[in-house]
């Protein structure tokens, strides 16, 4: 095959690979690109031709997060090539709107050291014209990562990265929406097997009208000092790890939420251990932690009797859009208050109890529907279940959506480096803040292995890329919480709270009741009970 045709064929195959990337079909694409690189190195071709193919391949590998290989082409091979002429030719191709060829020539010029940042930015612009968003994103990121980048250019590049990210998001949403019988992105199920959910739904419905009574220990002592009877009056929610019913105290008519573990986890924790956790929760007095009042038994299903709030953070994130920044900051500030109370709360006996949530995700954050007030629940329960039944709580056993809210050290224990669990809660807080600000989880994957790699080896796209109105200080705060190494994260929830107070005091005060009511009304949640 003539050299010109060989190069053209390889470039066409790389273009096909770029289409796979744009459509999200990344599995195996790096191998295809590397295979083409192997072929080009084996061919006896002019250095400029080799570098043309290599530059395109490198840009694709960067978009996949794969490190490019060292080139066998030496700078000495280009002595006969005038890099300035390559750059000028690339600009001429831009004027003529020959985007594909301009990328090749400008990439060559950048590799030869001529106007490197400008060439990469222009390559990104050309990729945008071709609607190859992933490729453009890679070019822009390589510019943004350069330490010599000036403030103004950095701002310009960040805006371009944001556009690419948004277009990728639209494309992904379009593909998902066009798939037959595919659920909306925000409606991702928390269970692996729909039949499990159906069984728990049936069990929850079957409890309506029946009576649960306060659990008593072996000598007949209830946690509250007296035995209460609760009638199950409604089903409030069922998920992958628990289902919630409405309980009414038959002595005074007072209503509570009753939370029981699903069939999968029903026997994962001895009732005595669940009772001990419940008693600890009853001793906590915090305005941002859900109040727990009792533990009730209904024929082997044990219900934690607690207060009920009508909304969860899942409801506010259901549209896949970021909250108003002041509102996200205000709610985040309250989450930090709750974590602080959990980490260092003083029990009724005057002793400080160190408890850590370790299962913080949107469904664990409950909200009022009139005022921007939230409360966390289940703080420390997952740790108790893990200790009692490690086989049932192994990360590989969890539904995939849960893995979006796990820290690196929960995947790979050695990464904890003997740091206390407070650093894990800080990472999980960062995941919550990221989603509140952007409307999307920091990581999304289709397998356990993908989630493990993302959490343990990668950083998410900074929130400000998705929304330019997010202040840089808030962007940096979230990214600090999401540091892979626990020791590089904030030291405590109080430290993060002080940073929020210092930088966003006006934003926190602006996020009043009216902003919140308007926001949940927009989401159609204002009538939800």
Protein backbone atom coordinates (compact mmCIF):
# COMPACT_ATOMS: atom_id res chain seq x y z
CA UNK A 1 0.00 0.00 0.00
CA UNK A 2 1.40 3.46 -0.88
CA UNK A 3 2.57 5.46 2.18
CA UNK A 4 -0.04 8.18 1.62
CA UNK A 5 -2.86 5.63 1.51
CA UNK A 6 -1.47 3.83 4.58
CA UNK A 7 -1.46 7.04 6.62
CA UNK A 8 -4.93 7.95 5.38
CA UNK A 9 -6.22 4.50 6.37
CA UNK A 10 -4.75 4.79 9.88
CA UNK A 11 -6.19 8.27 10.37
CA UNK A 12 -9.60 6.99 9.28
CA UNK A 13 -9.40 4.19 11.85
CA UNK A 14 -8.46 6.69 14.55
CA UNK A 15 -11.44 8.83 13.57
CA UNK A 16 -13.64 5.76 13.97
CA UNK A 17 -12.11 5.20 17.42
CA UNK A 18 -12.90 8.81 18.34
CA UNK A 19 -16.55 8.17 17.45
CA UNK A 20 -16.56 5.19 19.83
CA UNK A 21 -15.28 7.48 22.59
CA UNK A 22 -17.91 10.14 21.89
CA UNK A 23 -20.64 7.51 22.14
CA UNK A 24 -19.27 6.28 25.47
CA UNK A 25 -18.03 2.98 24.03
CA UNK A 26 -14.61 3.25 25.64
CA UNK A 27 -14.02 -0.40 26.52
CA UNK A 28 -11.26 -1.74 24.27
CA UNK A 29 -10.76 1.59 22.48
CA UNK A 30 -7.34 2.19 24.05
CA UNK A 31 -6.22 -1.19 22.71
CA UNK A 32 -7.36 -0.23 19.21
CA UNK A 33 -5.46 3.07 19.36
CA UNK A 34 -2.33 1.43 20.75
CA UNK A 35 -2.54 -1.21 18.02
CA UNK A 36 -2.49 1.52 15.38
CA UNK A 37 0.51 3.06 17.11
CA UNK A 38 2.30 -0.29 16.94
CA UNK A 39 1.58 -0.47 13.22
CA UNK A 40 2.83 3.03 12.47
CA UNK A 41 6.07 2.41 14.35
CA UNK A 42 6.68 -0.77 12.31
CA UNK A 43 6.22 1.03 8.97
CA UNK A 44 9.00 2.74 7.05
CA UNK A 45 7.37 6.14 6.73
CA UNK A 46 8.59 9.75 6.80
CA UNK A 47 8.88 11.11 10.38
CA UNK A 48 6.28 13.82 9.71
CA UNK A 49 3.76 11.19 8.60
CA UNK A 50 4.43 9.06 11.68
CA UNK A 51 4.07 12.06 13.95
CA UNK A 52 0.80 13.03 12.30
CA UNK A 53 -0.73 9.68 13.21
CA UNK A 54 0.87 9.67 16.65
CA UNK A 55 -0.44 13.16 17.54
CA UNK A 56 -3.99 12.15 16.72
CA UNK A 57 -3.62 8.87 18.65
CA UNK A 58 -2.12 10.65 21.67
CA UNK A 59 -5.07 13.05 21.83
CA UNK A 60 -7.45 10.07 21.93
CA UNK A 61 -5.44 8.31 24.62
CA UNK A 62 -5.50 11.49 26.72
CA UNK A 63 -9.29 11.66 26.38
CA UNK A 64 -9.43 8.08 27.71
CA UNK A 65 -7.18 8.96 30.64
CA UNK A 66 -4.45 6.68 29.30
CA UNK A 67 -0.83 7.78 29.37
CA UNK A 68 0.65 8.07 25.89
CA UNK A 69 3.76 6.09 25.03
CA UNK A 70 7.17 7.45 24.31
CA UNK A 71 7.61 8.19 20.64
CA UNK A 72 10.27 6.43 18.60
CA UNK A 73 10.50 9.58 16.51
CA UNK A 74 13.45 11.74 17.49
CA UNK A 75 13.41 15.56 17.28
CA UNK A 76 16.44 15.19 15.02
CA UNK A 77 14.15 13.54 12.47
CA UNK A 78 12.41 16.87 12.00
CA UNK A 79 15.44 18.98 11.23
CA UNK A 80 14.32 19.24 7.64
CA UNK A 81 10.85 20.35 8.74
CA UNK A 82 10.21 24.01 9.54
CA UNK A 83 7.91 23.97 12.59
CA UNK A 84 6.95 27.62 12.05
CA UNK A 85 5.72 26.72 8.59
CA UNK A 86 3.66 23.89 10.09
CA UNK A 87 2.08 26.38 12.49
CA UNK A 88 1.33 28.89 9.75
CA UNK A 89 -0.04 26.17 7.51
CA UNK A 90 -2.29 25.08 10.39
CA UNK A 91 -3.62 28.64 10.74
CA UNK A 92 -4.29 28.75 6.99
CA UNK A 93 -6.23 25.49 7.26
CA UNK A 94 -8.27 27.04 10.07
CA UNK A 95 -9.17 29.98 7.82
CA UNK A 96 -10.29 27.51 5.17
CA UNK A 97 -12.29 25.53 7.77
CA UNK A 98 -10.35 22.33 7.14
CA UNK A 99 -10.70 21.32 10.77
CA UNK A 100 -9.37 17.77 10.57
CA UNK A 101 -6.18 18.66 8.73
CA UNK A 102 -5.67 21.74 10.94
CA UNK A 103 -5.64 19.50 14.04
CA UNK A 104 -2.90 17.38 12.51
CA UNK A 105 -0.67 20.25 11.45
CA UNK A 106 -1.10 22.23 14.68
CA UNK A 107 -0.46 19.09 16.75
CA UNK A 108 2.80 18.61 14.87
CA UNK A 109 3.77 22.23 15.45
CA UNK A 110 3.00 21.88 19.19
CA UNK A 111 5.10 18.73 19.40
CA UNK A 112 7.97 20.67 17.84
CA UNK A 113 7.65 23.42 20.47
CA UNK A 114 5.99 26.20 18.45
CA UNK A 115 3.19 28.11 20.24
CA UNK A 116 2.42 24.97 22.23
CA UNK A 117 -0.52 26.23 24.30
CA UNK A 118 -2.02 28.16 21.40
CA UNK A 119 -1.76 25.14 19.10
CA UNK A 120 -3.47 22.88 21.62
CA UNK A 121 -6.23 25.39 22.21
CA UNK A 122 -6.79 25.73 18.46
CA UNK A 123 -6.83 21.94 18.12
CA UNK A 124 -9.56 21.90 20.77
CA UNK A 125 -11.48 24.57 18.82
CA UNK A 126 -11.25 22.43 15.68
CA UNK A 127 -12.49 19.36 17.54
CA UNK A 128 -15.44 21.43 18.79
CA UNK A 129 -16.27 22.35 15.18
CA UNK A 130 -16.27 18.62 14.40
CA UNK A 131 -18.40 18.01 17.54
CA UNK A 132 -15.77 15.62 18.88
CA UNK A 133 -16.30 16.77 22.45
CA UNK A 134 -14.12 14.19 24.17
CA UNK A 135 -11.17 15.02 21.95
CA UNK A 136 -11.69 18.76 22.44
CA UNK A 137 -11.93 18.21 26.20
CA UNK A 138 -8.53 16.45 26.15
CA UNK A 139 -6.86 19.30 24.25
CA UNK A 140 -8.31 21.95 26.56
CA UNK A 141 -7.38 20.01 29.69
CA UNK A 142 -3.77 19.76 28.54
CA UNK A 143 -3.73 23.56 28.24
CA UNK A 144 -5.48 24.10 31.59
CA UNK A 145 -2.98 21.85 33.37
CA UNK A 146 0.00 23.95 32.23
CA UNK A 147 1.45 25.81 35.22
CA UNK A 148 2.51 28.78 33.09
CA UNK A 149 -1.07 29.53 32.04
CA UNK A 150 -2.13 33.11 32.75
CA UNK A 151 -5.26 33.93 34.73
CA UNK A 152 -7.23 35.31 31.77
CA UNK A 153 -6.41 32.42 29.47
CA UNK A 154 -7.16 29.99 32.28
CA UNK A 155 -10.61 31.49 32.62
CA UNK A 156 -11.17 31.22 28.85
CA UNK A 157 -10.05 27.59 28.73
CA UNK A 158 -12.20 26.69 31.73
CA UNK A 159 -15.26 28.06 29.91
CA UNK A 160 -14.41 25.91 26.88
CA UNK A 161 -13.95 22.83 29.07
CA UNK A 162 -17.35 23.52 30.60
CA UNK A 163 -18.98 23.65 27.19
CA UNK A 164 -17.40 20.33 26.18
CA UNK A 165 -18.52 18.70 29.42
CA UNK A 166 -22.06 19.97 29.00
CA UNK A 167 -22.21 18.74 25.41
CA UNK A 168 -20.93 15.33 26.49
CA UNK A 169 -23.59 15.26 29.18
CA UNK A 170 -26.31 16.15 26.64
CA UNK A 171 -25.07 13.47 24.27
CA UNK A 172 -25.06 10.86 27.02
CA UNK A 173 -28.58 11.87 28.09
CA UNK A 174 -29.73 11.64 24.47
CA UNK A 175 -28.33 8.13 24.08
CA UNK A 176 -29.96 7.04 27.34
CA UNK A 177 -33.31 8.59 26.40
CA UNK A 178 -33.31 6.92 22.98
CA UNK A 179 -32.68 3.45 24.40
CA UNK A 180 -35.90 1.39 24.55
CA UNK A 181 -37.39 1.02 28.04
CA UNK A 182 -34.46 2.87 29.58
CA UNK A 183 -35.09 4.69 32.89
CA UNK A 184 -34.38 8.38 33.29
CA UNK A 185 -30.83 9.10 34.54
CA UNK A 186 -32.18 10.44 37.83
CA UNK A 187 -34.28 7.35 38.42
CA UNK A 188 -31.39 4.92 38.72
CA UNK A 189 -32.49 1.95 40.79
CA UNK A 190 -30.78 1.16 44.07
CA UNK A 191 -31.30 -2.57 43.70
CA UNK A 192 -29.62 -5.16 41.53
CA UNK A 193 -32.63 -7.44 41.24
CA UNK A 194 -36.15 -5.98 40.77
CA UNK A 195 -37.66 -9.06 42.36
CA UNK A 196 -35.92 -8.16 45.64
CA UNK A 197 -37.56 -4.75 45.59
CA UNK A 198 -40.94 -6.34 44.82
CA UNK A 199 -40.58 -8.72 47.77
CA UNK A 200 -39.75 -5.90 50.18
CA UNK A 201 -42.59 -3.81 48.78
CA UNK A 202 -44.96 -6.69 49.44
CA UNK A 203 -43.65 -7.15 52.98
CA UNK A 204 -44.00 -3.43 53.70
CA UNK A 205 -47.58 -3.38 52.40
CA UNK A 206 -48.39 -6.51 54.39
CA UNK A 207 -47.56 -4.74 57.67
CA UNK A 208 -50.25 -2.05 57.26
CA UNK A 209 -52.84 -2.25 60.02
CA UNK A 210 -50.69 -4.46 62.20
CA UNK A 211 -49.17 -3.55 65.56
CA UNK A 212 -45.52 -3.37 66.59
CA UNK A 213 -44.51 -3.17 70.24
CA UNK A 214 -41.41 -1.87 71.97
CA UNK A 215 -38.56 -4.36 71.95
CA UNK A 216 -37.51 -5.62 75.40
CA UNK A 217 -34.27 -7.28 76.41
CA UNK A 218 -34.00 -10.74 77.98
CA UNK A 219 -35.20 -9.50 81.35
CA UNK A 220 -38.09 -7.52 79.88
CA UNK A 221 -36.60 -4.01 79.92
CA UNK A 222 -37.58 -1.69 77.01
CA UNK A 223 -35.19 1.02 75.82
CA UNK A 224 -37.54 3.83 76.82
CA UNK A 225 -38.47 2.52 80.26
CA UNK A 226 -42.02 1.69 79.19
CA UNK A 227 -43.59 -0.44 76.47
CA UNK A 228 -45.36 1.32 73.60
CA UNK A 229 -47.64 -0.08 70.91
CA UNK A 230 -47.44 1.31 67.38
CA UNK A 231 -49.91 0.67 64.59
CA UNK A 232 -48.51 0.60 61.05
CA UNK A 233 -50.67 3.07 59.13
CA UNK A 234 -48.84 3.56 55.82
CA UNK A 235 -45.77 2.70 53.76
CA UNK A 236 -43.49 5.73 53.29
CA UNK A 237 -40.55 4.33 51.33
CA UNK A 238 -38.73 1.16 50.43
CA UNK A 239 -35.19 0.89 49.10
CA UNK A 240 -32.33 -1.51 48.78
CA UNK A 241 -31.31 -1.64 52.44
CA UNK A 242 -34.39 -0.55 54.39
CA UNK A 243 -38.07 0.15 54.14
CA UNK A 244 -39.91 2.89 56.04
CA UNK A 245 -43.46 2.74 57.36
CA UNK A 246 -45.59 5.23 59.26
CA UNK A 247 -46.15 4.27 62.89
CA UNK A 248 -48.82 5.72 65.18
CA UNK A 249 -48.41 5.44 68.93
CA UNK A 250 -51.71 3.93 70.10
CA UNK A 251 -51.55 5.67 73.48
CA UNK A 252 -51.36 9.26 72.24
CA UNK A 253 -51.81 9.22 68.45
CA UNK A 254 -48.34 10.59 67.81
CA UNK A 255 -46.87 9.59 64.44
CA UNK A 256 -43.34 8.41 63.69
CA UNK A 257 -41.37 6.78 60.92
CA UNK A 258 -40.44 3.13 61.48
CA UNK A 259 -37.33 1.94 59.67
CA UNK A 260 -36.64 -1.78 59.21
CA UNK A 261 -33.91 -3.57 57.29
CA UNK A 262 -34.92 -5.36 54.10
CA UNK A 263 -35.06 -9.14 53.79
CA UNK A 264 -31.50 -9.21 52.44
CA UNK A 265 -30.16 -7.56 55.61
CA UNK A 266 -32.86 -8.60 58.08
CA UNK A 267 -30.59 -11.00 59.95
CA UNK A 268 -27.34 -9.16 59.23
CA UNK A 269 -27.19 -7.61 62.69
CA UNK A 270 -28.24 -9.21 66.00
CA UNK A 271 -31.14 -7.37 67.57
CA UNK A 272 -29.10 -6.73 70.73
CA UNK A 273 -26.51 -4.90 68.64
CA UNK A 274 -29.23 -2.95 66.81
CA UNK A 275 -30.74 -2.04 70.19
CA UNK A 276 -27.35 -0.79 71.44
CA UNK A 277 -27.01 1.41 68.35
CA UNK A 278 -30.58 2.67 68.80
CA UNK A 279 -29.88 3.58 72.42
CA UNK A 280 -26.80 5.58 71.38
CA UNK A 281 -28.90 7.46 68.85
CA UNK A 282 -31.52 8.20 71.49
CA UNK A 283 -28.83 9.86 73.62
CA UNK A 284 -27.88 12.35 70.89
CA UNK A 285 -29.43 15.80 71.05
CA UNK A 286 -28.67 17.53 67.75
CA UNK A 287 -30.82 19.78 65.61
CA UNK A 288 -29.32 18.24 62.45
CA UNK A 289 -29.52 14.54 63.35
CA UNK A 290 -32.80 12.65 63.12
CA UNK A 291 -34.31 11.99 66.56
CA UNK A 292 -34.65 8.32 67.50
CA UNK A 293 -37.25 7.33 70.12
CA UNK A 294 -37.57 3.55 70.36
CA UNK A 295 -37.01 0.12 68.82
CA UNK A 296 -40.19 -1.81 67.99
CA UNK A 297 -40.75 -5.45 67.05
CA UNK A 298 -43.29 -6.81 64.58
CA UNK A 299 -42.87 -10.59 64.30
CA UNK A 300 -39.10 -10.47 63.80
CA UNK A 301 -39.01 -7.22 61.84
CA UNK A 302 -37.37 -4.61 64.07
CA UNK A 303 -38.31 -1.01 63.42
CA UNK A 304 -36.19 1.92 64.58
CA UNK A 305 -38.82 4.43 65.66
CA UNK A 306 -37.71 7.89 64.57
CA UNK A 307 -39.01 11.23 63.44
CA UNK A 308 -40.13 11.62 59.85
CA UNK A 309 -39.33 14.42 57.41
CA UNK A 310 -41.20 14.50 54.08
CA UNK A 311 -38.30 14.97 51.65
CA UNK A 312 -34.86 13.54 51.06
CA UNK A 313 -31.91 14.96 49.19
CA UNK A 314 -32.68 12.39 46.47
CA UNK A 315 -35.87 14.33 45.74
CA UNK A 316 -33.97 17.59 45.29
CA UNK A 317 -31.46 15.94 42.97
CA UNK A 318 -34.02 14.00 40.92
CA UNK A 319 -33.92 16.42 37.97
CA UNK A 320 -30.17 16.07 37.48
CA UNK A 321 -29.62 19.82 37.82
CA UNK A 322 -27.45 21.70 40.31
CA UNK A 323 -29.06 23.69 43.10
CA UNK A 324 -28.68 27.45 43.45
CA UNK A 325 -25.17 27.83 44.83
CA UNK A 326 -26.24 29.68 48.04
CA UNK A 327 -28.76 26.92 48.79
CA UNK A 328 -26.19 24.15 48.22
CA UNK A 329 -23.76 25.97 50.51
CA UNK A 330 -26.41 26.37 53.22
CA UNK A 331 -27.46 22.71 53.11
CA UNK A 332 -23.82 21.61 53.01
CA UNK A 333 -23.13 23.72 56.10
CA UNK A 334 -25.91 21.87 57.94
CA UNK A 335 -24.54 18.48 56.85
CA UNK A 336 -21.22 19.53 58.40
CA UNK A 337 -22.98 20.50 61.63
CA UNK A 338 -24.62 17.09 61.71
CA UNK A 339 -21.32 15.29 61.11
CA UNK A 340 -19.68 17.35 63.84
CA UNK A 341 -22.39 16.38 66.31
CA UNK A 342 -22.05 12.75 65.30
CA UNK A 343 -18.26 12.69 65.51
CA UNK A 344 -17.97 14.38 68.89
CA UNK A 345 -21.36 14.20 70.54
CA UNK A 346 -21.75 14.17 74.31
CA UNK A 347 -24.10 11.46 75.51
CA UNK A 348 -26.54 11.76 78.41
CA UNK A 349 -23.95 10.15 80.68
CA UNK A 350 -21.58 13.07 80.04
CA UNK A 351 -19.16 11.04 77.95
CA UNK A 352 -18.12 11.96 74.41
CA UNK A 353 -19.00 9.27 71.90
CA UNK A 354 -17.11 9.13 68.61
CA UNK A 355 -19.49 7.94 65.92
CA UNK A 356 -18.97 8.06 62.16
CA UNK A 357 -21.58 7.88 59.46
CA UNK A 358 -19.70 5.93 56.71
CA UNK A 359 -22.86 5.53 54.61
CA UNK A 360 -23.55 9.14 53.72
CA UNK A 361 -25.52 9.49 50.49
CA UNK A 362 -28.53 11.55 49.32
CA UNK A 363 -31.10 9.10 50.68
CA UNK A 364 -29.58 9.55 54.16
CA UNK A 365 -30.33 13.30 54.19
CA UNK A 366 -33.91 14.28 55.09
CA UNK A 367 -35.43 17.73 54.62
CA UNK A 368 -38.34 19.88 55.65
CA UNK A 369 -40.58 21.07 52.82
CA UNK A 370 -41.06 24.62 54.10
CA UNK A 371 -37.62 25.66 55.31
CA UNK A 372 -34.07 24.75 54.22
CA UNK A 373 -33.50 22.53 57.24
CA UNK A 374 -32.05 19.04 57.03
CA UNK A 375 -31.21 16.11 59.26
CA UNK A 376 -29.01 13.06 58.76
CA UNK A 377 -30.00 9.57 59.83
CA UNK A 378 -28.43 6.12 60.13
CA UNK A 379 -25.17 7.59 61.39
CA UNK A 380 -22.87 4.71 62.32
CA UNK A 381 -25.42 1.98 61.57
CA UNK A 382 -23.56 0.70 58.53
CA UNK A 383 -20.41 0.19 60.61
CA UNK A 384 -22.40 -1.97 63.04
CA UNK A 385 -23.89 -4.06 60.22
CA UNK A 386 -20.47 -4.42 58.56
CA UNK A 387 -18.93 -5.66 61.81
CA UNK A 388 -21.75 -8.17 62.34
CA UNK A 389 -22.02 -9.44 58.73
CA UNK A 390 -18.99 -8.59 56.61
CA UNK A 391 -20.08 -11.04 53.91
CA UNK A 392 -23.44 -9.30 53.36
CA UNK A 393 -21.95 -5.80 53.38
CA UNK A 394 -18.93 -6.34 51.13
CA UNK A 395 -18.80 -3.61 48.51
CA UNK A 396 -19.18 -6.17 45.72
CA UNK A 397 -22.54 -7.11 47.24
CA UNK A 398 -23.90 -3.56 47.16
CA UNK A 399 -26.13 -2.14 44.42
CA UNK A 400 -24.01 -0.13 41.96
CA UNK A 401 -25.54 3.30 42.79
CA UNK A 402 -24.31 2.89 46.38
CA UNK A 403 -20.73 2.68 45.13
CA UNK A 404 -20.91 6.24 43.86
CA UNK A 405 -20.90 7.24 47.55
CA UNK A 406 -17.95 5.29 48.89
CA UNK A 407 -14.45 6.57 49.70
CA UNK A 408 -11.19 5.19 48.24
CA UNK A 409 -10.27 3.61 51.57
CA UNK A 410 -13.59 1.77 51.64
CA UNK A 411 -12.61 0.05 48.40
CA UNK A 412 -8.97 -0.48 49.36
CA UNK A 413 -8.53 -0.57 53.12
CA UNK A 414 -4.76 0.05 52.98
CA UNK A 415 -5.41 3.54 51.57
CA UNK A 416 -6.77 4.63 54.98
CA UNK A 417 -3.17 4.73 56.25
CA UNK A 418 -4.47 4.21 59.80
CA UNK A 419 -6.37 7.49 59.66
CA UNK A 420 -9.62 7.72 61.69
CA UNK A 421 -12.95 7.28 59.88
CA UNK A 422 -13.60 11.02 60.11
CA UNK A 423 -11.63 11.38 56.87
CA UNK A 424 -14.00 8.95 55.17
CA UNK A 425 -17.01 11.02 56.20
CA UNK A 426 -15.28 14.12 54.82
CA UNK A 427 -14.85 12.41 51.45
CA UNK A 428 -18.53 11.39 51.46
CA UNK A 429 -19.50 14.96 52.32
CA UNK A 430 -17.49 16.07 49.28
CA UNK A 431 -19.48 13.64 47.12
CA UNK A 432 -22.74 15.13 48.41
CA UNK A 433 -21.60 18.71 47.82
CA UNK A 434 -20.40 17.84 44.33
CA UNK A 435 -23.80 16.48 43.39
CA UNK A 436 -25.71 19.34 45.01
CA UNK A 437 -23.66 21.84 43.01
CA UNK A 438 -23.64 20.02 39.67
CA UNK A 439 -26.74 17.83 39.72
CA UNK A 440 -24.71 14.72 38.85
CA UNK A 441 -22.63 12.28 40.91
CA UNK A 442 -18.89 12.87 40.83
CA UNK A 443 -18.45 9.35 39.46
CA UNK A 444 -20.74 7.10 37.46
CA UNK A 445 -19.82 3.59 36.32
CA UNK A 446 -21.33 0.32 35.15
CA UNK A 447 -19.32 -2.10 37.29
CA UNK A 448 -17.63 -2.48 40.65
CA UNK A 449 -14.22 -2.43 38.97
CA UNK A 450 -14.93 0.87 37.25
CA UNK A 451 -16.06 2.50 40.48
CA UNK A 452 -12.99 1.20 42.30
CA UNK A 453 -10.64 2.69 39.70
CA UNK A 454 -12.52 6.01 39.63
CA UNK A 455 -12.52 6.46 43.40
CA UNK A 456 -9.03 5.09 44.05
CA UNK A 457 -7.07 6.39 41.07
CA UNK A 458 -8.89 9.34 39.52
CA UNK A 459 -10.23 12.76 40.40
CA UNK A 460 -13.64 13.89 39.17
CA UNK A 461 -14.02 16.82 36.81
CA UNK A 462 -13.98 19.95 39.03
CA UNK A 463 -17.54 21.20 39.76
CA UNK A 464 -16.72 24.61 38.28
CA UNK A 465 -16.25 22.99 34.88
CA UNK A 466 -19.95 22.14 34.90
CA UNK A 467 -21.09 25.47 36.33
CA UNK A 468 -18.90 28.52 35.91
CA UNK A 469 -20.85 30.45 38.57
CA UNK A 470 -19.50 28.19 41.33
CA UNK A 471 -16.89 30.28 43.19
CA UNK A 472 -13.34 29.03 42.88
CA UNK A 473 -13.04 28.79 46.68
CA UNK A 474 -16.06 26.46 46.84
CA UNK A 475 -14.73 24.45 43.91
CA UNK A 476 -11.40 24.03 45.71
CA UNK A 477 -13.13 23.14 48.98
CA UNK A 478 -15.02 20.28 47.34
CA UNK A 479 -11.94 18.98 45.55
CA UNK A 480 -9.97 19.03 48.80
CA UNK A 481 -12.64 16.82 50.40
CA UNK A 482 -12.26 14.41 47.47
CA UNK A 483 -8.49 14.01 47.73
CA UNK A 484 -7.48 10.38 47.16
CA UNK A 485 -5.11 10.40 50.12
CA UNK A 486 -7.07 10.90 53.38
CA UNK A 487 -4.22 12.92 54.89
CA UNK A 488 -4.65 15.57 52.20
CA UNK A 489 -8.30 16.18 53.05
CA UNK A 490 -9.65 18.62 55.62
CA UNK A 491 -9.00 17.47 59.17
CA UNK A 492 -12.54 17.86 60.51
CA UNK A 493 -16.05 18.95 59.63
CA UNK A 494 -15.47 22.03 61.80
CA UNK A 495 -12.51 23.07 59.65
CA UNK A 496 -14.70 22.92 56.53
CA UNK A 497 -17.51 24.82 58.30
CA UNK A 498 -15.11 27.63 59.19
CA UNK A 499 -13.96 27.81 55.56
CA UNK A 500 -17.58 28.09 54.42
CA UNK A 501 -18.35 30.76 57.00
CA UNK A 502 -15.32 32.80 56.03
CA UNK A 503 -15.88 32.70 52.29
CA UNK A 504 -19.64 32.32 51.91
CA UNK A 505 -21.22 34.10 54.87
CA UNK A 506 -23.31 36.30 52.55
CA UNK A 507 -24.33 33.31 50.42
CA UNK A 508 -25.41 31.40 53.52
CA UNK A 509 -27.59 34.27 54.65
CA UNK A 510 -29.15 34.69 51.18
CA UNK A 511 -30.35 31.10 51.10
CA UNK A 512 -33.53 31.85 53.00
CA UNK A 513 -36.91 30.16 53.23
CA UNK A 514 -38.28 31.81 50.09
CA UNK A 515 -35.42 30.62 47.89
CA UNK A 516 -35.90 27.10 49.20
CA UNK A 517 -39.69 27.12 48.76
CA UNK A 518 -39.32 28.48 45.23
CA UNK A 519 -36.79 25.80 44.40
CA UNK A 520 -38.81 22.82 45.65
CA UNK A 521 -41.94 24.28 44.02
CA UNK A 522 -40.03 24.35 40.74
CA UNK A 523 -39.19 20.67 41.29
CA UNK A 524 -42.85 19.88 41.98
CA UNK A 525 -42.13 18.82 45.57
CA UNK A 526 -44.03 21.47 47.50
CA UNK A 527 -47.16 19.31 47.76
CA UNK A 528 -45.30 16.13 48.66
CA UNK A 529 -46.18 14.77 52.10
